[in-house]
Amino acid sequence: PPVLRPTAEPVSAGRAPAGPASIDRP
């Protein structure tokens, strides 16, 4: 199965994510 790997910095409370996540295969 594909692995969800964030491509942006972690989201902190009250702030929107900086960018999308990508899916990569191992």
PDB file of all heavy atoms in Angstrom:
ATOM      1  N   PRO A   1       0.824  -1.204   0.000  1.00  0.00           N
ATOM      2  CA  PRO A   1       0.000   0.000   0.000  1.00  0.00           C
ATOM      3  C   PRO A   1       0.862   1.260   0.000  1.00  0.00           C
ATOM      4  O   PRO A   1       1.984   1.259   0.501  1.00  0.00           O
ATOM      5  CB  PRO A   1      -0.806  -0.106   1.295  1.00  0.00           C
ATOM      6  CG  PRO A   1      -0.022  -1.008   2.160  1.00  0.00           C
ATOM      7  CD  PRO A   1       0.734  -1.933   1.252  1.00  0.00           C
ATOM      8  N   PRO A   2       0.357   2.340  -0.583  1.00  0.00           N
ATOM      9  CA  PRO A   2       1.120   3.587  -0.578  1.00  0.00           C
ATOM     10  C   PRO A   2       1.267   4.128   0.841  1.00  0.00           C
ATOM     11  O   PRO A   2       0.455   3.857   1.717  1.00  0.00           O
ATOM     12  CB  PRO A   2       0.285   4.530  -1.437  1.00  0.00           C
ATOM     13  CG  PRO A   2      -1.081   3.963  -1.425  1.00  0.00           C
ATOM     14  CD  PRO A   2      -0.932   2.479  -1.230  1.00  0.00           C
ATOM     15  N   VAL A   3       2.314   4.905   1.053  1.00  0.00           N
ATOM     16  CA  VAL A   3       2.582   5.501   2.359  1.00  0.00           C
ATOM     17  C   VAL A   3       2.332   7.002   2.254  1.00  0.00           C
ATOM     18  O   VAL A   3       2.839   7.655   1.347  1.00  0.00           O
ATOM     19  CB  VAL A   3       4.054   5.239   2.776  1.00  0.00           C
ATOM     20  CG1 VAL A   3       4.364   5.951   4.079  1.00  0.00           C
ATOM     21  CG2 VAL A   3       4.306   3.754   2.888  1.00  0.00           C
ATOM     22  N   LEU A   4       1.541   7.543   3.166  1.00  0.00           N
ATOM     23  CA  LEU A   4       1.290   8.981   3.181  1.00  0.00           C
ATOM     24  C   LEU A   4       2.462   9.665   3.857  1.00  0.00           C
ATOM     25  O   LEU A   4       2.800   9.382   4.999  1.00  0.00           O
ATOM     26  CB  LEU A   4      -0.011   9.285   3.928  1.00  0.00           C
ATOM     27  CG  LEU A   4      -0.454  10.733   3.920  1.00  0.00           C
ATOM     28  CD1 LEU A   4      -0.714  11.202   2.491  1.00  0.00           C
ATOM     29  CD2 LEU A   4      -1.711  10.913   4.741  1.00  0.00           C
ATOM     30  N   ARG A   5       3.103  10.554   3.123  1.00  0.00           N
ATOM     31  CA  ARG A   5       4.288  11.240   3.634  1.00  0.00           C
ATOM     32  C   ARG A   5       4.055  12.742   3.527  1.00  0.00           C
ATOM     33  O   ARG A   5       3.849  13.261   2.438  1.00  0.00           O
ATOM     34  CB  ARG A   5       5.503  10.847   2.809  1.00  0.00           C
ATOM     35  CG  ARG A   5       6.797  11.456   3.286  1.00  0.00           C
ATOM     36  CD  ARG A   5       7.936  10.980   2.435  1.00  0.00           C
ATOM     37  NE  ARG A   5       7.635  11.202   1.029  1.00  0.00           N
ATOM     38  CZ  ARG A   5       8.399  11.902   0.207  1.00  0.00           C
ATOM     39  NH1 ARG A   5       9.515  12.431   0.623  1.00  0.00           N
ATOM     40  NH2 ARG A   5       8.064  12.055  -1.051  1.00  0.00           N
ATOM     41  N   PRO A   6       4.067  13.472   4.632  1.00  0.00           N
ATOM     42  CA  PRO A   6       3.849  14.914   4.557  1.00  0.00           C
ATOM     43  C   PRO A   6       5.006  15.594   3.830  1.00  0.00           C
ATOM     44  O   PRO A   6       6.162  15.216   3.979  1.00  0.00           O
ATOM     45  CB  PRO A   6       3.776  15.354   6.011  1.00  0.00           C
ATOM     46  CG  PRO A   6       4.439  14.273   6.783  1.00  0.00           C
ATOM     47  CD  PRO A   6       4.294  13.004   5.978  1.00  0.00           C
ATOM     48  N   THR A   7       4.663  16.588   3.017  1.00  0.00           N
ATOM     49  CA  THR A   7       5.701  17.346   2.315  1.00  0.00           C
ATOM     50  C   THR A   7       5.807  18.755   2.875  1.00  0.00           C
ATOM     51  O   THR A   7       6.575  19.553   2.390  1.00  0.00           O
ATOM     52  CB  THR A   7       5.393  17.422   0.807  1.00  0.00           C
ATOM     53  OG1 THR A   7       4.104  18.001   0.642  1.00  0.00           O
ATOM     54  CG2 THR A   7       5.440  16.059   0.171  1.00  0.00           C
ATOM     55  N   ALA A   8       4.990  19.073   3.886  1.00  0.00           N
ATOM     56  CA  ALA A   8       4.994  20.410   4.482  1.00  0.00           C
ATOM     57  C   ALA A   8       5.313  20.284   5.969  1.00  0.00           C
ATOM     58  O   ALA A   8       5.324  19.210   6.542  1.00  0.00           O
ATOM     59  CB  ALA A   8       3.636  21.071   4.293  1.00  0.00           C
ATOM     60  N   GLU A   9       5.555  21.414   6.586  1.00  0.00           N
ATOM     61  CA  GLU A   9       5.818  21.417   8.025  1.00  0.00           C
ATOM     62  C   GLU A   9       4.561  21.013   8.787  1.00  0.00           C
ATOM     63  O   GLU A   9       3.450  21.165   8.295  1.00  0.00           O
ATOM     64  CB  GLU A   9       6.303  22.794   8.466  1.00  0.00           C
ATOM     65  CG  GLU A   9       5.278  23.896   8.220  1.00  0.00           C
ATOM     66  CD  GLU A   9       5.858  25.268   8.472  1.00  0.00           C
ATOM     67  OE1 GLU A   9       6.720  25.687   7.702  1.00  0.00           O
ATOM     68  OE2 GLU A   9       5.429  25.896   9.451  1.00  0.00           O
ATOM     69  N   PRO A  10       4.700  20.468   9.989  1.00  0.00           N
ATOM     70  CA  PRO A  10       3.527  20.052  10.774  1.00  0.00           C
ATOM     71  C   PRO A  10       2.591  21.224  11.052  1.00  0.00           C
ATOM     72  O   PRO A  10       3.016  22.370  11.131  1.00  0.00           O
ATOM     73  CB  PRO A  10       4.136  19.522  12.075  1.00  0.00           C
ATOM     74  CG  PRO A  10       5.570  19.282  11.777  1.00  0.00           C
ATOM     75  CD  PRO A  10       5.949  20.206  10.658  1.00  0.00           C
ATOM     76  N   VAL A  11       1.318  20.909  11.218  1.00  0.00           N
ATOM     77  CA  VAL A  11       0.301  21.927  11.484  1.00  0.00           C
ATOM     78  C   VAL A  11       0.217  22.154  12.987  1.00  0.00           C
ATOM     79  O   VAL A  11       0.118  21.216  13.761  1.00  0.00           O
ATOM     80  CB  VAL A  11      -1.070  21.468  10.952  1.00  0.00           C
ATOM     81  CG1 VAL A  11      -2.145  22.490  11.293  1.00  0.00           C
ATOM     82  CG2 VAL A  11      -1.001  21.222   9.460  1.00  0.00           C
ATOM     83  N   SER A  12       0.275  23.411  13.409  1.00  0.00           N
ATOM     84  CA  SER A  12       0.086  23.707  14.826  1.00  0.00           C
ATOM     85  C   SER A  12      -1.332  24.252  15.010  1.00  0.00           C
ATOM     86  O   SER A  12      -1.987  24.637  14.050  1.00  0.00           O
ATOM     87  CB  SER A  12       1.132  24.723  15.301  1.00  0.00           C
ATOM     88  OG  SER A  12       0.993  25.926  14.583  1.00  0.00           O
ATOM     89  N   ALA A  13      -1.788  24.304  16.237  1.00  0.00           N
ATOM     90  CA  ALA A  13      -3.160  24.724  16.538  1.00  0.00           C
ATOM     91  C   ALA A  13      -3.458  26.099  15.957  1.00  0.00           C
ATOM     92  O   ALA A  13      -2.675  27.034  16.101  1.00  0.00           O
ATOM     93  CB  ALA A  13      -3.376  24.729  18.049  1.00  0.00           C
ATOM     94  N   GLY A  14      -4.593  26.214  15.255  1.00  0.00           N
ATOM     95  CA  GLY A  14      -5.040  27.483  14.731  1.00  0.00           C
ATOM     96  C   GLY A  14      -4.381  27.914  13.430  1.00  0.00           C
ATOM     97  O   GLY A  14      -4.595  29.014  12.960  1.00  0.00           O
ATOM     98  N   ARG A  15      -3.572  27.041  12.836  1.00  0.00           N
ATOM     99  CA  ARG A  15      -2.888  27.421  11.599  1.00  0.00           C
ATOM    100  C   ARG A  15      -3.147  26.394  10.514  1.00  0.00           C
ATOM    101  O   ARG A  15      -3.142  25.191  10.765  1.00  0.00           O
ATOM    102  CB  ARG A  15      -1.393  27.494  11.870  1.00  0.00           C
ATOM    103  CG  ARG A  15      -0.668  28.322  10.831  1.00  0.00           C
ATOM    104  CD  ARG A  15       0.755  28.488  11.220  1.00  0.00           C
ATOM    105  NE  ARG A  15       1.454  27.275  10.775  1.00  0.00           N
ATOM    106  CZ  ARG A  15       2.743  27.085  10.892  1.00  0.00           C
ATOM    107  NH1 ARG A  15       3.473  27.983  11.478  1.00  0.00           N
ATOM    108  NH2 ARG A  15       3.316  25.998  10.462  1.00  0.00           N
ATOM    109  N   ALA A  16      -3.372  26.828   9.309  1.00  0.00           N
ATOM    110  CA  ALA A  16      -3.611  25.929   8.175  1.00  0.00           C
ATOM    111  C   ALA A  16      -2.293  25.315   7.725  1.00  0.00           C
ATOM    112  O   ALA A  16      -1.227  25.896   7.928  1.00  0.00           O
ATOM    113  CB  ALA A  16      -4.250  26.704   7.025  1.00  0.00           C
ATOM    114  N   PRO A  17      -2.345  24.134   7.113  1.00  0.00           N
ATOM    115  CA  PRO A  17      -1.110  23.512   6.613  1.00  0.00           C
ATOM    116  C   PRO A  17      -0.478  24.373   5.520  1.00  0.00           C
ATOM    117  O   PRO A  17      -1.152  25.062   4.774  1.00  0.00           O
ATOM    118  CB  PRO A  17      -1.558  22.163   6.069  1.00  0.00           C
ATOM    119  CG  PRO A  17      -3.039  22.223   5.981  1.00  0.00           C
ATOM    120  CD  PRO A  17      -3.505  23.321   6.883  1.00  0.00           C
ATOM    121  N   ALA A  18       0.854  24.326   5.432  1.00  0.00           N
ATOM    122  CA  ALA A  18       1.584  25.143   4.466  1.00  0.00           C
ATOM    123  C   ALA A  18       1.510  24.578   3.055  1.00  0.00           C
ATOM    124  O   ALA A  18       1.724  25.287   2.097  1.00  0.00           O
ATOM    125  CB  ALA A  18       3.042  25.255   4.905  1.00  0.00           C
ATOM    126  N   GLY A  19       1.239  23.295   2.891  1.00  0.00           N
ATOM    127  CA  GLY A  19       1.207  22.706   1.552  1.00  0.00           C
ATOM    128  C   GLY A  19       0.560  21.335   1.578  1.00  0.00           C
ATOM    129  O   GLY A  19       0.227  20.820   2.646  1.00  0.00           O
ATOM    130  N   PRO A  20       0.376  20.733   0.413  1.00  0.00           N
ATOM    131  CA  PRO A  20      -0.286  19.430   0.332  1.00  0.00           C
ATOM    132  C   PRO A  20       0.635  18.296   0.771  1.00  0.00           C
ATOM    133  O   PRO A  20       1.846  18.463   0.853  1.00  0.00           O
ATOM    134  CB  PRO A  20      -0.622  19.309  -1.154  1.00  0.00           C
ATOM    135  CG  PRO A  20       0.452  20.105  -1.836  1.00  0.00           C
ATOM    136  CD  PRO A  20       0.735  21.254  -0.900  1.00  0.00           C
ATOM    137  N   ALA A  21       0.040  17.140   1.020  1.00  0.00           N
ATOM    138  CA  ALA A  21       0.799  15.931   1.310  1.00  0.00           C
ATOM    139  C   ALA A  21       0.906  15.133   0.029  1.00  0.00           C
ATOM    140  O   ALA A  21       0.099  15.281  -0.881  1.00  0.00           O
ATOM    141  CB  ALA A  21       0.114  15.120   2.392  1.00  0.00           C
ATOM    142  N   SER A  22       1.909  14.311  -0.077  1.00  0.00           N
ATOM    143  CA  SER A  22       2.047  13.448  -1.251  1.00  0.00           C
ATOM    144  C   SER A  22       2.034  12.000  -0.809  1.00  0.00           C
ATOM    145  O   SER A  22       2.320  11.677   0.335  1.00  0.00           O
ATOM    146  CB  SER A  22       3.341  13.759  -2.001  1.00  0.00           C
ATOM    147  OG  SER A  22       4.452  13.402  -1.204  1.00  0.00           O
ATOM    148  N   ILE A  23       1.702  11.138  -1.768  1.00  0.00           N
ATOM    149  CA  ILE A  23       1.681   9.704  -1.496  1.00  0.00           C
ATOM    150  C   ILE A  23       2.819   9.078  -2.264  1.00  0.00           C
ATOM    151  O   ILE A  23       2.938   9.240  -3.476  1.00  0.00           O
ATOM    152  CB  ILE A  23       0.339   9.078  -1.906  1.00  0.00           C
ATOM    153  CG1 ILE A  23      -0.791   9.639  -1.054  1.00  0.00           C
ATOM    154  CG2 ILE A  23       0.404   7.557  -1.792  1.00  0.00           C
ATOM    155  CD1 ILE A  23      -2.155   9.137  -1.411  1.00  0.00           C
ATOM    156  N   ASP A  24       3.683   8.360  -1.570  1.00  0.00           N
ATOM    157  CA  ASP A  24       4.793   7.657  -2.195  1.00  0.00           C
ATOM    158  C   ASP A  24       4.716   6.186  -1.855  1.00  0.00           C
ATOM    159  O   ASP A  24       4.299   5.812  -0.771  1.00  0.00           O
ATOM    160  CB  ASP A  24       6.144   8.172  -1.669  1.00  0.00           C
ATOM    161  CG  ASP A  24       6.512   9.526  -2.251  1.00  0.00           C
ATOM    162  OD1 ASP A  24       5.949   9.897  -3.299  1.00  0.00           O
ATOM    163  OD2 ASP A  24       7.372  10.193  -1.656  1.00  0.00           O
ATOM    164  N   ARG A  25       5.140   5.364  -2.785  1.00  0.00           N
ATOM    165  CA  ARG A  25       5.274   3.935  -2.515  1.00  0.00           C
ATOM    166  C   ARG A  25       6.651   3.699  -1.924  1.00  0.00           C
ATOM    167  O   ARG A  25       7.625   4.348  -2.324  1.00  0.00           O
ATOM    168  CB  ARG A  25       5.090   3.123  -3.787  1.00  0.00           C
ATOM    169  CG  ARG A  25       3.712   3.241  -4.342  1.00  0.00           C
ATOM    170  CD  ARG A  25       3.432   2.080  -5.270  1.00  0.00           C
ATOM    171  NE  ARG A  25       2.102   2.147  -5.785  1.00  0.00           N
ATOM    172  CZ  ARG A  25       1.024   1.655  -5.183  1.00  0.00           C
ATOM    173  NH1 ARG A  25       1.144   1.045  -4.043  1.00  0.00           N
ATOM    174  NH2 ARG A  25      -0.157   1.752  -5.721  1.00  0.00           N
ATOM    175  N   PRO A  26       6.749   2.776  -0.958  1.00  0.00           N
ATOM    176  CA  PRO A  26       8.071   2.475  -0.388  1.00  0.00           C
ATOM    177  C   PRO A  26       9.017   2.000  -1.480  1.00  0.00           C
ATOM    178  O   PRO A  26       8.606   1.332  -2.412  1.00  0.00           O
ATOM    179  CB  PRO A  26       7.775   1.354   0.613  1.00  0.00           C
ATOM    180  CG  PRO A  26       6.323   1.406   0.856  1.00  0.00           C
ATOM    181  CD  PRO A  26       5.699   1.998  -0.361  1.00  0.00           C
TER     182      PRO A  26
END
